[in-house]
Amino acid sequence: MVLTYTQEHVYEHPWDRVTSAAWRKFTDPDTATVLSHILDVHTLSRHLDPVRGVYSSTRSIIVRSPTLPFILRHVAPCPTILCLETSLVDAPRRSMEIVSRNVSLRGLIEVQERSSYRPHPERPEQWTAFRQETSIICKPLAAVASALAENVEHRCAERFKQNSVKGREIIERICKYLEAEGSNN
């Protein structure tokens, strides 16, 4: 079974401010207390195409593993999970796409998260539409013990939803900071 869910949010800030805040999310001093599951973030590669105005990057993110059901702790005792995040920012088209997926524990559980930031269709100069699609599959258990697999998938989904809310709150706070900073200039 694959568990898939989608979340949408409207930031009442322009696209350039929201995407700027999104880039600062992991470096903001208050992030460590709010997103305590994020242990480390490193930029592995980045490239700016000056002709097209497109920026791409790849980051590694180490997160604290959620508590697994007792039966799985012996199979996957790993306390951390390595994730890979690829980002593509197309400034001329005002589009930012982020895809994150786990690299470790892929034999047990596979998580992919796709996020996009675009100008809101009703107020493109003032608001930003955020969309996040997450899919979770507990691979070996899906065939053997579907109830256990479903339990793990739902636990992971709840944790992702909680962390998504925290991430949106951080971006909102940084947007307000950037807005205040801009009005002081």
N, C-alpha and C. Protein backbone atom coordinates (compact mmCIF):
# COMPACT_ATOMS: atom_id res chain seq x y z
N MET A 1 0.83 -1.18 0.00
CA MET A 1 0.00 0.00 0.00
C MET A 1 0.88 1.25 0.00
N VAL A 2 0.48 2.23 -0.74
CA VAL A 2 1.16 3.52 -0.73
C VAL A 2 0.21 4.54 -0.12
N LEU A 3 0.70 5.24 0.87
CA LEU A 3 -0.10 6.30 1.49
C LEU A 3 0.34 7.62 0.87
N THR A 4 -0.61 8.33 0.30
CA THR A 4 -0.31 9.61 -0.35
C THR A 4 -1.24 10.67 0.22
N TYR A 5 -0.69 11.83 0.49
CA TYR A 5 -1.54 12.94 0.92
C TYR A 5 -0.97 14.24 0.38
N THR A 6 -1.84 15.23 0.29
CA THR A 6 -1.48 16.53 -0.24
C THR A 6 -1.90 17.61 0.75
N GLN A 7 -1.03 18.60 0.92
CA GLN A 7 -1.34 19.76 1.75
C GLN A 7 -1.13 21.01 0.90
N GLU A 8 -1.99 21.98 1.10
CA GLU A 8 -1.85 23.25 0.39
C GLU A 8 -1.94 24.38 1.41
N HIS A 9 -1.25 25.46 1.11
CA HIS A 9 -1.22 26.61 2.01
C HIS A 9 -1.04 27.87 1.16
N VAL A 10 -1.65 28.96 1.60
CA VAL A 10 -1.46 30.24 0.92
C VAL A 10 -0.70 31.16 1.87
N TYR A 11 0.46 31.60 1.42
CA TYR A 11 1.22 32.62 2.15
C TYR A 11 0.76 33.97 1.63
N GLU A 12 0.40 34.85 2.51
CA GLU A 12 -0.03 36.18 2.08
C GLU A 12 1.18 37.10 1.98
N HIS A 13 2.14 36.62 1.21
CA HIS A 13 3.39 37.32 0.91
C HIS A 13 3.74 37.03 -0.54
N PRO A 14 4.46 37.94 -1.20
CA PRO A 14 4.84 37.70 -2.60
C PRO A 14 5.81 36.52 -2.73
N TRP A 15 5.82 35.94 -3.92
CA TRP A 15 6.62 34.76 -4.22
C TRP A 15 8.10 34.95 -3.87
N ASP A 16 8.70 36.08 -4.22
CA ASP A 16 10.13 36.27 -3.96
C ASP A 16 10.44 36.28 -2.46
N ARG A 17 9.56 36.81 -1.66
CA ARG A 17 9.77 36.82 -0.21
C ARG A 17 9.64 35.41 0.37
N VAL A 18 8.62 34.69 -0.07
CA VAL A 18 8.38 33.33 0.45
C VAL A 18 9.52 32.39 0.07
N THR A 19 9.96 32.46 -1.18
CA THR A 19 11.05 31.55 -1.57
C THR A 19 12.35 31.94 -0.89
N SER A 20 12.56 33.21 -0.66
CA SER A 20 13.74 33.64 0.10
C SER A 20 13.67 33.09 1.52
N ALA A 21 12.49 33.13 2.12
CA ALA A 21 12.32 32.58 3.47
C ALA A 21 12.52 31.07 3.47
N ALA A 22 12.04 30.40 2.42
CA ALA A 22 12.20 28.95 2.34
C ALA A 22 13.68 28.55 2.32
N TRP A 23 14.50 29.35 1.63
CA TRP A 23 15.94 29.06 1.60
C TRP A 23 16.57 29.26 2.97
N ARG A 24 16.03 30.16 3.77
CA ARG A 24 16.59 30.47 5.08
C ARG A 24 16.06 29.55 6.18
N LYS A 25 15.09 28.72 5.85
CA LYS A 25 14.40 27.91 6.85
C LYS A 25 15.37 27.11 7.74
N PHE A 26 16.36 26.46 7.16
CA PHE A 26 17.27 25.62 7.95
C PHE A 26 18.39 26.41 8.62
N THR A 27 18.63 27.64 8.18
CA THR A 27 19.71 28.43 8.78
C THR A 27 19.20 29.44 9.79
N ASP A 28 17.91 29.58 9.91
CA ASP A 28 17.33 30.51 10.87
C ASP A 28 17.66 30.04 12.29
N PRO A 29 18.10 30.94 13.18
CA PRO A 29 18.50 30.53 14.53
C PRO A 29 17.41 29.81 15.33
N ASP A 30 16.15 30.14 15.10
CA ASP A 30 15.06 29.51 15.86
C ASP A 30 14.64 28.15 15.30
N THR A 31 15.13 27.79 14.14
CA THR A 31 14.72 26.54 13.51
C THR A 31 15.08 25.33 14.35
N ALA A 32 16.26 25.33 14.95
CA ALA A 32 16.71 24.15 15.70
C ALA A 32 15.75 23.76 16.82
N THR A 33 15.11 24.74 17.43
CA THR A 33 14.17 24.40 18.50
C THR A 33 12.82 23.97 17.94
N VAL A 34 12.40 24.54 16.83
CA VAL A 34 11.10 24.20 16.26
C VAL A 34 11.16 22.91 15.45
N LEU A 35 12.18 22.77 14.64
CA LEU A 35 12.37 21.56 13.83
C LEU A 35 13.49 20.72 14.44
N SER A 36 13.28 20.25 15.65
CA SER A 36 14.33 19.53 16.37
C SER A 36 14.67 18.19 15.73
N HIS A 37 13.87 17.69 14.82
CA HIS A 37 14.18 16.44 14.13
C HIS A 37 15.24 16.62 13.04
N ILE A 38 15.50 17.86 12.63
CA ILE A 38 16.55 18.13 11.64
C ILE A 38 17.88 18.23 12.38
N LEU A 39 18.79 17.31 12.07
CA LEU A 39 20.07 17.28 12.77
C LEU A 39 21.19 17.97 12.01
N ASP A 40 21.16 17.91 10.66
CA ASP A 40 22.26 18.47 9.88
C ASP A 40 21.81 18.69 8.44
N VAL A 41 22.29 19.77 7.83
CA VAL A 41 21.97 20.09 6.43
C VAL A 41 23.26 20.54 5.75
N HIS A 42 23.56 19.94 4.60
CA HIS A 42 24.75 20.32 3.82
C HIS A 42 24.38 20.48 2.36
N THR A 43 24.90 21.53 1.74
CA THR A 43 24.72 21.71 0.30
C THR A 43 25.77 20.88 -0.41
N LEU A 44 25.32 19.97 -1.26
CA LEU A 44 26.23 19.09 -2.00
C LEU A 44 26.60 19.68 -3.36
N SER A 45 25.63 20.33 -3.99
CA SER A 45 25.91 20.97 -5.28
C SER A 45 24.94 22.10 -5.49
N ARG A 46 25.36 23.05 -6.30
CA ARG A 46 24.47 24.15 -6.69
C ARG A 46 24.97 24.70 -8.02
N HIS A 47 24.01 25.17 -8.79
CA HIS A 47 24.35 25.69 -10.11
C HIS A 47 23.34 26.76 -10.51
N LEU A 48 23.85 27.85 -11.04
CA LEU A 48 23.00 28.91 -11.57
C LEU A 48 23.24 29.00 -13.06
N ASP A 49 22.16 28.85 -13.82
CA ASP A 49 22.22 29.04 -15.26
C ASP A 49 21.91 30.51 -15.51
N PRO A 50 22.93 31.33 -15.77
CA PRO A 50 22.70 32.77 -15.90
C PRO A 50 21.87 33.15 -17.13
N VAL A 51 21.85 32.31 -18.13
CA VAL A 51 21.09 32.61 -19.34
C VAL A 51 19.59 32.40 -19.09
N ARG A 52 19.24 31.28 -18.49
CA ARG A 52 17.83 30.95 -18.25
C ARG A 52 17.32 31.49 -16.92
N GLY A 53 18.22 31.86 -16.01
CA GLY A 53 17.81 32.35 -14.70
C GLY A 53 17.30 31.24 -13.80
N VAL A 54 17.84 30.04 -13.99
CA VAL A 54 17.40 28.87 -13.22
C VAL A 54 18.52 28.44 -12.27
N TYR A 55 18.14 28.25 -11.02
CA TYR A 55 19.08 27.83 -9.97
C TYR A 55 18.69 26.42 -9.53
N SER A 56 19.67 25.54 -9.44
CA SER A 56 19.41 24.19 -8.96
C SER A 56 20.40 23.86 -7.85
N SER A 57 19.94 23.07 -6.90
CA SER A 57 20.82 22.66 -5.81
C SER A 57 20.41 21.29 -5.30
N THR A 58 21.38 20.64 -4.65
CA THR A 58 21.14 19.36 -4.00
C THR A 58 21.71 19.47 -2.60
N ARG A 59 20.90 19.10 -1.62
CA ARG A 59 21.34 19.14 -0.22
C ARG A 59 21.11 17.79 0.43
N SER A 60 22.00 17.46 1.37
CA SER A 60 21.77 16.28 2.21
C SER A 60 21.20 16.79 3.53
N ILE A 61 20.22 16.07 4.03
CA ILE A 61 19.57 16.43 5.28
C ILE A 61 19.53 15.19 6.15
N ILE A 62 20.05 15.31 7.35
CA ILE A 62 19.99 14.19 8.29
C ILE A 62 18.92 14.51 9.31
N VAL A 63 17.97 13.58 9.45
CA VAL A 63 16.85 13.78 10.36
C VAL A 63 16.82 12.65 11.40
N ARG A 64 16.26 12.97 12.54
CA ARG A 64 16.07 11.98 13.59
C ARG A 64 14.95 11.05 13.15
N SER A 65 15.19 9.77 13.24
CA SER A 65 14.20 8.78 12.83
C SER A 65 13.01 8.78 13.77
N PRO A 66 11.79 8.67 13.21
CA PRO A 66 10.63 8.56 14.09
C PRO A 66 10.67 7.21 14.82
N THR A 67 10.02 7.12 15.93
CA THR A 67 9.98 5.87 16.68
C THR A 67 9.17 4.85 15.89
N LEU A 68 9.82 3.73 15.62
CA LEU A 68 9.17 2.67 14.86
C LEU A 68 8.48 1.70 15.81
N PRO A 69 7.49 0.94 15.31
CA PRO A 69 6.89 -0.09 16.15
C PRO A 69 7.97 -1.06 16.64
N PHE A 70 7.76 -1.64 17.80
CA PHE A 70 8.76 -2.49 18.45
C PHE A 70 9.32 -3.55 17.52
N ILE A 71 8.46 -4.22 16.77
CA ILE A 71 8.90 -5.31 15.89
C ILE A 71 9.89 -4.84 14.84
N LEU A 72 9.83 -3.57 14.44
CA LEU A 72 10.71 -3.05 13.40
C LEU A 72 12.02 -2.49 13.95
N ARG A 73 12.10 -2.21 15.22
CA ARG A 73 13.31 -1.62 15.79
C ARG A 73 14.52 -2.54 15.64
N HIS A 74 14.30 -3.84 15.58
CA HIS A 74 15.41 -4.77 15.40
C HIS A 74 15.85 -4.83 13.94
N VAL A 75 14.92 -4.58 13.04
CA VAL A 75 15.23 -4.57 11.61
C VAL A 75 15.93 -3.28 11.21
N ALA A 76 15.50 -2.17 11.80
CA ALA A 76 16.04 -0.86 11.45
C ALA A 76 16.33 -0.06 12.72
N PRO A 77 17.43 -0.39 13.42
CA PRO A 77 17.74 0.31 14.66
C PRO A 77 18.36 1.69 14.46
N CYS A 78 18.45 2.12 13.21
CA CYS A 78 19.10 3.39 12.87
C CYS A 78 18.37 4.58 13.49
N PRO A 79 19.05 5.40 14.31
CA PRO A 79 18.38 6.56 14.93
C PRO A 79 18.27 7.77 14.00
N THR A 80 18.97 7.74 12.86
CA THR A 80 18.92 8.87 11.93
C THR A 80 18.63 8.37 10.51
N ILE A 81 18.12 9.28 9.71
CA ILE A 81 17.82 8.97 8.31
C ILE A 81 18.47 10.04 7.44
N LEU A 82 19.16 9.61 6.41
CA LEU A 82 19.76 10.52 5.44
C LEU A 82 18.76 10.77 4.32
N CYS A 83 18.50 12.03 4.03
CA CYS A 83 17.59 12.41 2.96
C CYS A 83 18.33 13.26 1.94
N LEU A 84 17.85 13.25 0.73
CA LEU A 84 18.41 14.06 -0.34
C LEU A 84 17.31 14.99 -0.82
N GLU A 85 17.65 16.27 -0.93
CA GLU A 85 16.70 17.29 -1.38
C GLU A 85 17.25 17.93 -2.64
N THR A 86 16.46 17.92 -3.70
CA THR A 86 16.84 18.62 -4.93
C THR A 86 15.86 19.78 -5.13
N SER A 87 16.40 20.92 -5.47
CA SER A 87 15.59 22.12 -5.64
C SER A 87 15.86 22.72 -7.01
N LEU A 88 14.82 23.26 -7.58
CA LEU A 88 14.91 23.95 -8.87
C LEU A 88 14.11 25.23 -8.76
N VAL A 89 14.81 26.36 -8.91
CA VAL A 89 14.15 27.66 -8.84
C VAL A 89 14.26 28.30 -10.22
N ASP A 90 13.11 28.53 -10.82
CA ASP A 90 13.04 29.19 -12.12
C ASP A 90 12.54 30.61 -11.87
N ALA A 91 13.48 31.53 -11.68
CA ALA A 91 13.13 32.91 -11.32
C ALA A 91 12.26 33.61 -12.38
N PRO A 92 12.59 33.51 -13.68
CA PRO A 92 11.75 34.20 -14.67
C PRO A 92 10.29 33.71 -14.67
N ARG A 93 10.08 32.43 -14.40
CA ARG A 93 8.72 31.87 -14.38
C ARG A 93 8.12 31.88 -12.97
N ARG A 94 8.90 32.34 -12.00
CA ARG A 94 8.49 32.40 -10.59
C ARG A 94 7.93 31.05 -10.13
N SER A 95 8.82 30.07 -10.19
CA SER A 95 8.47 28.72 -9.80
C SER A 95 9.61 28.13 -8.98
N MET A 96 9.29 27.49 -7.87
CA MET A 96 10.27 26.79 -7.06
C MET A 96 9.74 25.40 -6.78
N GLU A 97 10.52 24.39 -7.14
CA GLU A 97 10.15 22.99 -6.94
C GLU A 97 11.20 22.33 -6.06
N ILE A 98 10.75 21.58 -5.06
CA ILE A 98 11.66 20.86 -4.17
C ILE A 98 11.19 19.42 -4.07
N VAL A 99 12.12 18.48 -4.25
CA VAL A 99 11.81 17.07 -4.09
C VAL A 99 12.78 16.51 -3.05
N SER A 100 12.20 15.91 -2.01
CA SER A 100 13.00 15.29 -0.95
C SER A 100 12.64 13.82 -0.87
N ARG A 101 13.66 12.99 -0.66
CA ARG A 101 13.43 11.55 -0.49
C ARG A 101 14.49 10.98 0.42
N ASN A 102 14.10 9.95 1.15
CA ASN A 102 15.08 9.32 2.02
C ASN A 102 16.03 8.45 1.20
N VAL A 103 17.29 8.45 1.63
CA VAL A 103 18.32 7.62 1.00
C VAL A 103 18.55 6.38 1.86
N SER A 104 18.63 6.57 3.17
CA SER A 104 18.79 5.42 4.06
C SER A 104 17.43 4.83 4.39
N LEU A 105 17.42 3.58 4.79
CA LEU A 105 16.22 2.82 5.14
C LEU A 105 15.25 2.62 3.98
N ARG A 106 15.74 2.79 2.73
CA ARG A 106 14.86 2.64 1.57
C ARG A 106 14.36 1.21 1.41
N GLY A 107 15.09 0.25 1.96
CA GLY A 107 14.62 -1.13 1.90
C GLY A 107 13.43 -1.37 2.80
N LEU A 108 13.24 -0.51 3.78
CA LEU A 108 12.14 -0.64 4.73
C LEU A 108 10.99 0.31 4.42
N ILE A 109 11.34 1.58 4.24
CA ILE A 109 10.30 2.58 4.00
C ILE A 109 10.82 3.60 3.00
N GLU A 110 9.94 4.00 2.12
CA GLU A 110 10.32 4.97 1.10
C GLU A 110 9.38 6.17 1.20
N VAL A 111 9.99 7.34 1.36
CA VAL A 111 9.22 8.57 1.49
C VAL A 111 9.68 9.55 0.42
N GLN A 112 8.73 10.12 -0.28
CA GLN A 112 9.05 11.18 -1.25
C GLN A 112 8.11 12.34 -1.00
N GLU A 113 8.71 13.52 -0.96
CA GLU A 113 7.94 14.74 -0.72
C GLU A 113 8.22 15.71 -1.85
N ARG A 114 7.17 16.19 -2.51
CA ARG A 114 7.29 17.17 -3.59
C ARG A 114 6.60 18.44 -3.13
N SER A 115 7.34 19.54 -3.18
CA SER A 115 6.78 20.83 -2.77
C SER A 115 6.94 21.82 -3.91
N SER A 116 5.96 22.72 -4.02
CA SER A 116 6.07 23.77 -5.04
C SER A 116 5.59 25.09 -4.45
N TYR A 117 6.23 26.15 -4.91
CA TYR A 117 5.87 27.52 -4.54
C TYR A 117 5.64 28.26 -5.85
N ARG A 118 4.44 28.84 -5.99
CA ARG A 118 4.10 29.60 -7.20
C ARG A 118 3.25 30.80 -6.80
N PRO A 119 3.27 31.85 -7.61
CA PRO A 119 2.36 32.96 -7.32
C PRO A 119 0.92 32.46 -7.28
N HIS A 120 0.17 32.95 -6.33
CA HIS A 120 -1.23 32.54 -6.20
C HIS A 120 -2.01 33.02 -7.42
N PRO A 121 -2.88 32.18 -8.00
CA PRO A 121 -3.58 32.58 -9.23
C PRO A 121 -4.49 33.80 -9.07
N GLU A 122 -5.05 34.01 -7.88
CA GLU A 122 -5.97 35.14 -7.69
C GLU A 122 -5.24 36.45 -7.37
N ARG A 123 -4.10 36.34 -6.68
CA ARG A 123 -3.34 37.55 -6.31
C ARG A 123 -1.85 37.28 -6.51
N PRO A 124 -1.42 37.13 -7.77
CA PRO A 124 -0.05 36.70 -8.07
C PRO A 124 1.06 37.63 -7.58
N GLU A 125 0.77 38.90 -7.42
CA GLU A 125 1.82 39.83 -6.97
C GLU A 125 1.89 39.92 -5.44
N GLN A 126 0.89 39.40 -4.76
CA GLN A 126 0.82 39.56 -3.30
C GLN A 126 0.89 38.25 -2.53
N TRP A 127 0.43 37.15 -3.10
CA TRP A 127 0.34 35.89 -2.37
C TRP A 127 1.10 34.78 -3.09
N THR A 128 1.43 33.74 -2.32
CA THR A 128 2.14 32.58 -2.87
C THR A 128 1.38 31.31 -2.52
N ALA A 129 1.17 30.47 -3.51
CA ALA A 129 0.51 29.17 -3.31
C ALA A 129 1.59 28.12 -3.07
N PHE A 130 1.44 27.39 -1.97
CA PHE A 130 2.36 26.31 -1.61
C PHE A 130 1.58 25.00 -1.70
N ARG A 131 2.20 24.01 -2.32
CA ARG A 131 1.57 22.69 -2.43
C ARG A 131 2.62 21.64 -2.09
N GLN A 132 2.24 20.69 -1.27
CA GLN A 132 3.15 19.63 -0.84
C GLN A 132 2.45 18.29 -1.01
N GLU A 133 3.08 17.39 -1.76
CA GLU A 133 2.55 16.05 -1.97
C GLU A 133 3.55 15.06 -1.38
N THR A 134 3.07 14.19 -0.52
CA THR A 134 3.95 13.22 0.13
C THR A 134 3.42 11.82 -0.11
N SER A 135 4.34 10.91 -0.46
CA SER A 135 3.96 9.51 -0.59
C SER A 135 4.87 8.68 0.30
N ILE A 136 4.28 7.70 0.98
CA ILE A 136 4.99 6.86 1.93
C ILE A 136 4.61 5.41 1.64
N ILE A 137 5.62 4.56 1.53
CA ILE A 137 5.35 3.13 1.35
C ILE A 137 6.29 2.34 2.26
N CYS A 138 5.72 1.44 3.00
CA CYS A 138 6.47 0.54 3.85
C CYS A 138 6.64 -0.74 3.05
N LYS A 139 7.75 -0.87 2.34
CA LYS A 139 7.93 -1.85 1.28
C LYS A 139 7.84 -3.33 1.69
N PRO A 140 8.74 -3.84 2.52
CA PRO A 140 8.69 -5.29 2.74
C PRO A 140 7.45 -5.72 3.52
N LEU A 141 6.92 -4.84 4.33
CA LEU A 141 5.76 -5.21 5.14
C LEU A 141 4.47 -5.17 4.33
N ALA A 142 4.46 -4.43 3.26
CA ALA A 142 3.23 -4.28 2.48
C ALA A 142 2.71 -5.64 2.01
N ALA A 143 3.62 -6.52 1.63
CA ALA A 143 3.21 -7.84 1.15
C ALA A 143 2.98 -8.82 2.29
N VAL A 144 3.73 -8.68 3.38
CA VAL A 144 3.68 -9.66 4.47
C VAL A 144 2.62 -9.32 5.52
N ALA A 145 2.66 -8.12 5.99
CA ALA A 145 1.75 -7.72 7.08
C ALA A 145 1.17 -6.36 6.75
N SER A 146 0.13 -6.34 5.96
CA SER A 146 -0.41 -5.07 5.49
C SER A 146 -0.90 -4.19 6.63
N ALA A 147 -1.41 -4.77 7.70
CA ALA A 147 -1.88 -3.96 8.84
C ALA A 147 -0.71 -3.24 9.50
N LEU A 148 0.42 -3.93 9.65
CA LEU A 148 1.60 -3.30 10.25
C LEU A 148 2.16 -2.24 9.32
N ALA A 149 2.21 -2.54 8.03
CA ALA A 149 2.70 -1.56 7.05
C ALA A 149 1.83 -0.31 7.08
N GLU A 150 0.53 -0.52 7.13
CA GLU A 150 -0.39 0.61 7.17
C GLU A 150 -0.19 1.44 8.44
N ASN A 151 0.05 0.77 9.55
CA ASN A 151 0.31 1.46 10.82
C ASN A 151 1.56 2.34 10.71
N VAL A 152 2.65 1.78 10.16
CA VAL A 152 3.90 2.53 10.01
C VAL A 152 3.69 3.71 9.07
N GLU A 153 3.01 3.49 7.96
CA GLU A 153 2.76 4.56 6.99
C GLU A 153 1.95 5.69 7.63
N HIS A 154 0.93 5.34 8.39
CA HIS A 154 0.11 6.38 9.04
C HIS A 154 0.89 7.13 10.12
N ARG A 155 1.73 6.43 10.87
CA ARG A 155 2.57 7.10 11.87
C ARG A 155 3.51 8.11 11.20
N CYS A 156 4.13 7.65 10.12
CA CYS A 156 5.04 8.54 9.38
C CYS A 156 4.28 9.74 8.82
N ALA A 157 3.10 9.49 8.26
CA ALA A 157 2.31 10.58 7.68
C ALA A 157 1.96 11.61 8.75
N GLU A 158 1.55 11.16 9.92
CA GLU A 158 1.22 12.11 10.99
C GLU A 158 2.43 12.93 11.38
N ARG A 159 3.57 12.29 11.47
CA ARG A 159 4.80 13.02 11.82
C ARG A 159 5.14 14.04 10.74
N PHE A 160 5.02 13.65 9.47
CA PHE A 160 5.31 14.58 8.37
C PHE A 160 4.34 15.76 8.39
N LYS A 161 3.07 15.50 8.65
CA LYS A 161 2.09 16.58 8.70
C LYS A 161 2.41 17.56 9.82
N GLN A 162 2.77 17.03 10.99
CA GLN A 162 3.13 17.90 12.12
C GLN A 162 4.36 18.75 11.78
N ASN A 163 5.37 18.12 11.18
CA ASN A 163 6.58 18.86 10.83
C ASN A 163 6.33 19.86 9.71
N SER A 164 5.40 19.56 8.80
CA SER A 164 5.05 20.50 7.73
C SER A 164 4.46 21.77 8.30
N VAL A 165 3.59 21.62 9.29
CA VAL A 165 3.00 22.80 9.94
C VAL A 165 4.10 23.64 10.57
N LYS A 166 5.04 23.00 11.24
CA LYS A 166 6.15 23.73 11.86
C LYS A 166 6.98 24.46 10.81
N GLY A 167 7.25 23.78 9.69
CA GLY A 167 8.02 24.40 8.61
C GLY A 167 7.32 25.61 8.03
N ARG A 168 6.00 25.51 7.84
CA ARG A 168 5.24 26.66 7.33
C ARG A 168 5.27 27.81 8.32
N GLU A 169 5.20 27.50 9.60
CA GLU A 169 5.27 28.56 10.63
C GLU A 169 6.62 29.27 10.58
N ILE A 170 7.69 28.52 10.37
CA ILE A 170 9.02 29.13 10.28
C ILE A 170 9.10 30.04 9.06
N ILE A 171 8.61 29.56 7.92
CA ILE A 171 8.65 30.38 6.71
C ILE A 171 7.82 31.64 6.90
N GLU A 172 6.66 31.51 7.52
CA GLU A 172 5.80 32.68 7.79
C GLU A 172 6.53 33.69 8.67
N ARG A 173 7.20 33.20 9.71
CA ARG A 173 7.93 34.10 10.61
C ARG A 173 9.06 34.81 9.87
N ILE A 174 9.79 34.08 9.05
CA ILE A 174 10.89 34.69 8.29
C ILE A 174 10.34 35.69 7.28
N CYS A 175 9.20 35.39 6.66
CA CYS A 175 8.58 36.34 5.73
C CYS A 175 8.26 37.65 6.43
N LYS A 176 7.72 37.56 7.62
CA LYS A 176 7.39 38.78 8.37
C LYS A 176 8.65 39.55 8.72
N TYR A 177 9.70 38.83 9.06
CA TYR A 177 10.99 39.47 9.35
C TYR A 177 11.51 40.18 8.09
N LEU A 178 11.46 39.49 6.94
CA LEU A 178 11.93 40.09 5.69
C LEU A 178 11.08 41.30 5.30
N GLU A 179 9.78 41.21 5.55
CA GLU A 179 8.89 42.33 5.24
C GLU A 179 9.24 43.54 6.09
N ALA A 180 9.46 43.31 7.38
CA ALA A 180 9.84 44.41 8.28
C ALA A 180 11.20 44.98 7.90
N GLU A 181 12.11 44.10 7.53
CA GLU A 181 13.44 44.54 7.11
C GLU A 181 13.35 45.42 5.87
N GLY A 182 12.47 45.04 4.92
CA GLY A 182 12.30 45.80 3.68
C GLY A 182 11.64 47.15 3.92
N SER A 183 10.73 47.22 4.88
CA SER A 183 10.06 48.49 5.14
C SER A 183 10.95 49.47 5.92
N ASN A 184 12.02 48.94 6.54
CA ASN A 184 12.96 49.82 7.25
C ASN A 184 13.98 50.45 6.32
N ASN A 185 14.07 49.94 5.09
CA ASN A 185 15.06 50.49 4.14
C ASN A 185 14.48 51.63 3.35
